[in-house]
């Protein structure tokens, strides 16, 4: 588990550093109108990015892996949470960093391609970790997505009512 946390933590530090530099040098990229804030506010935001990005990205991986692990077990997956999390930590860091760079550039729409590739590699990781076929691997990540979407739609429609 240490290896997984280290892998994803490094990606978090890199992402935090990228956003911190942008917060200081090109704040309008992060939020239009943000350029009007003084340098002290930009430095504060930069420090927050540096501190919070590694923590939040690491927690995100651990929670995401936990949710996927629950669905994998329901589908008779034989792998362990530790192996699954470690495999995810091998391919996610570079893809997360690429997504951060794409999202702050003029070609943010390309992050969709990176996201599709991430799902493809996740499917392979789930197949290898849990020793099951392609369809079970797809259902493992698709079910949480469907449940989250249904809950979000229900919440939005209830808020409008």
Protein backbone atom coordinates (compact mmCIF):
# COMPACT_ATOMS: atom_id res chain seq x y z
CA UNK A 1 0.00 0.00 0.00
CA UNK A 2 2.95 2.32 0.65
CA UNK A 3 3.95 2.06 -3.00
CA UNK A 4 0.48 3.05 -4.18
CA UNK A 5 0.33 6.03 -1.85
CA UNK A 6 3.81 7.12 -2.91
CA UNK A 7 2.99 6.80 -6.63
CA UNK A 8 -0.21 8.80 -6.45
CA UNK A 9 1.22 11.25 -3.90
CA UNK A 10 4.00 12.20 -6.30
CA UNK A 11 1.38 12.91 -8.96
CA UNK A 12 -0.47 15.05 -6.43
CA UNK A 13 2.68 17.05 -5.68
CA UNK A 14 3.30 17.60 -9.40
CA UNK A 15 -0.32 18.64 -10.02
CA UNK A 16 -0.21 20.94 -7.00
CA UNK A 17 3.02 22.51 -8.25
CA UNK A 18 1.54 23.08 -11.71
CA UNK A 19 -1.57 24.75 -10.28
CA UNK A 20 0.52 26.72 -7.77
CA UNK A 21 2.70 28.15 -10.54
CA UNK A 22 -0.36 29.05 -12.56
CA UNK A 23 -2.03 30.65 -9.52
CA UNK A 24 0.98 32.93 -9.15
CA UNK A 25 1.97 33.57 -12.77
CA UNK A 26 -1.25 33.23 -14.81
CA UNK A 27 -4.18 33.35 -12.38
CA UNK A 28 -6.72 34.14 -15.09
CA UNK A 29 -6.24 30.60 -16.42
CA UNK A 30 -7.64 29.17 -13.18
CA UNK A 31 -10.49 31.64 -12.75
CA UNK A 32 -11.40 34.68 -14.85
CA UNK A 33 -11.22 37.78 -12.69
CA UNK A 34 -8.79 36.07 -10.34
CA UNK A 35 -6.02 38.27 -11.73
CA UNK A 36 -7.51 41.18 -9.75
CA UNK A 37 -6.46 39.59 -6.46
CA UNK A 38 -3.17 40.68 -4.94
CA UNK A 39 -0.01 38.62 -4.86
CA UNK A 40 -0.56 37.62 -1.23
CA UNK A 41 -3.88 35.99 -2.14
CA UNK A 42 -2.26 34.25 -5.10
CA UNK A 43 0.52 32.95 -2.85
CA UNK A 44 -2.04 31.65 -0.37
CA UNK A 45 -3.88 29.83 -3.15
CA UNK A 46 -0.57 28.43 -4.42
CA UNK A 47 0.30 27.06 -0.96
CA UNK A 48 -3.17 25.53 -0.68
CA UNK A 49 -2.69 23.80 -4.05
CA UNK A 50 0.71 22.49 -2.96
CA UNK A 51 -0.62 21.14 0.34
CA UNK A 52 -4.09 19.93 -0.61
CA UNK A 53 -3.47 18.42 -4.06
CA UNK A 54 -1.37 15.46 -2.87
CA UNK A 55 -3.77 14.78 0.01
CA UNK A 56 -6.95 15.00 -2.07
CA UNK A 57 -5.60 13.05 -5.04
CA UNK A 58 -4.34 10.29 -2.72
CA UNK A 59 -7.65 10.13 -0.84
CA UNK A 60 -9.48 10.09 -4.15
CA UNK A 61 -7.51 7.05 -5.32
CA UNK A 62 -8.06 5.19 -2.06
CA UNK A 63 -11.80 5.89 -2.02
CA UNK A 64 -12.24 5.14 -5.73
CA UNK A 65 -10.34 1.90 -5.35
CA UNK A 66 -12.45 1.00 -2.31
CA UNK A 67 -15.70 1.55 -4.18
CA UNK A 68 -14.45 -0.48 -7.14
CA UNK A 69 -13.25 -3.20 -4.78
CA UNK A 70 -16.71 -3.52 -3.23
CA UNK A 71 -18.28 -3.98 -6.67
CA UNK A 72 -15.50 -6.38 -7.67
CA UNK A 73 -16.22 -8.54 -4.61
CA UNK A 74 -19.95 -8.52 -5.42
CA UNK A 75 -19.01 -9.84 -8.86
CA UNK A 76 -16.89 -12.61 -7.28
CA UNK A 77 -13.55 -10.89 -7.82
CA UNK A 78 -10.67 -12.77 -6.21
CA UNK A 79 -8.10 -9.99 -5.95
CA UNK A 80 -7.18 -7.86 -2.97
CA UNK A 81 -7.73 -4.17 -2.33
CA UNK A 82 -3.98 -3.67 -1.97
CA UNK A 83 -3.12 -5.19 -5.36
CA UNK A 84 -5.96 -3.36 -7.10
CA UNK A 85 -4.95 -0.02 -5.56
CA UNK A 86 -1.30 -0.55 -6.44
CA UNK A 87 -2.13 -1.38 -10.07
CA UNK A 88 -4.31 1.72 -10.29
CA UNK A 89 -1.49 3.80 -8.83
CA UNK A 90 0.82 2.69 -11.64
CA UNK A 91 -1.18 4.10 -14.54
CA UNK A 92 -3.19 6.91 -12.96
CA UNK A 93 -0.41 9.39 -12.01
CA UNK A 94 0.84 10.20 -15.51
CA UNK A 95 -2.72 10.35 -16.83
CA UNK A 96 -3.81 12.68 -14.02
CA UNK A 97 -0.87 14.98 -14.75
CA UNK A 98 -1.65 14.96 -18.48
CA UNK A 99 -5.29 15.80 -17.69
CA UNK A 100 -4.23 18.73 -15.50
CA UNK A 101 -2.04 20.10 -18.28
CA UNK A 102 -4.76 19.62 -20.90
CA UNK A 103 -7.41 21.24 -18.71
CA UNK A 104 -5.39 24.42 -18.26
CA UNK A 105 -4.51 24.63 -21.94
CA UNK A 106 -6.59 25.51 -24.97
CA UNK A 107 -7.09 21.82 -25.78
CA UNK A 108 -8.98 20.76 -22.66
CA UNK A 109 -11.35 18.68 -24.77
CA UNK A 110 -8.49 16.23 -25.33
CA UNK A 111 -8.80 15.22 -21.70
CA UNK A 112 -11.80 13.15 -22.83
CA UNK A 113 -9.40 10.99 -24.84
CA UNK A 114 -7.16 10.59 -21.79
CA UNK A 115 -10.22 9.71 -19.71
CA UNK A 116 -11.26 7.01 -22.18
CA UNK A 117 -7.74 5.60 -22.14
CA UNK A 118 -7.80 5.66 -18.32
CA UNK A 119 -11.02 3.61 -18.31
CA UNK A 120 -9.46 1.15 -20.78
CA UNK A 121 -6.40 0.63 -18.57
CA UNK A 122 -8.60 0.45 -15.46
CA UNK A 123 -10.60 -2.34 -17.12
CA UNK A 124 -7.42 -4.31 -17.77
CA UNK A 125 -6.21 -3.72 -14.20
CA UNK A 126 -9.53 -4.99 -12.82
CA UNK A 127 -9.38 -8.07 -15.05
CA UNK A 128 -5.86 -8.89 -13.91
CA UNK A 129 -6.47 -8.14 -10.24
CA UNK A 130 -9.70 -10.08 -9.86
CA UNK A 131 -9.18 -12.81 -12.45
CA UNK A 132 -12.42 -12.25 -14.27
CA UNK A 133 -13.52 -11.51 -17.82
CA UNK A 134 -13.91 -8.25 -19.70
CA UNK A 135 -17.63 -7.84 -19.00
CA UNK A 136 -17.28 -8.20 -15.25
CA UNK A 137 -14.46 -5.65 -15.31
CA UNK A 138 -16.64 -3.21 -17.24
CA UNK A 139 -19.59 -3.76 -14.89
CA UNK A 140 -17.24 -3.16 -11.93
CA UNK A 141 -16.61 0.46 -12.95
CA UNK A 142 -19.90 1.03 -14.79
CA UNK A 143 -22.21 0.26 -11.84
CA UNK A 144 -20.81 3.00 -9.54
CA UNK A 145 -21.02 5.41 -12.47
CA UNK A 146 -24.67 4.53 -13.14
CA UNK A 147 -25.59 4.72 -9.46
CA UNK A 148 -23.88 8.10 -9.07
CA UNK A 149 -25.60 9.44 -12.19
CA UNK A 150 -29.04 8.27 -11.03
CA UNK A 151 -28.49 9.78 -7.57
CA UNK A 152 -27.31 13.08 -9.08
CA UNK A 153 -30.35 13.26 -11.37
CA UNK A 154 -32.67 12.46 -8.46
CA UNK A 155 -31.00 15.14 -6.33
CA UNK A 156 -31.21 17.76 -9.07
CA UNK A 157 -34.86 17.03 -9.81
CA UNK A 158 -35.70 17.17 -6.09
CA UNK A 159 -33.92 20.51 -5.73
CA UNK A 160 -35.91 21.97 -8.63
CA UNK A 161 -39.23 20.76 -7.22
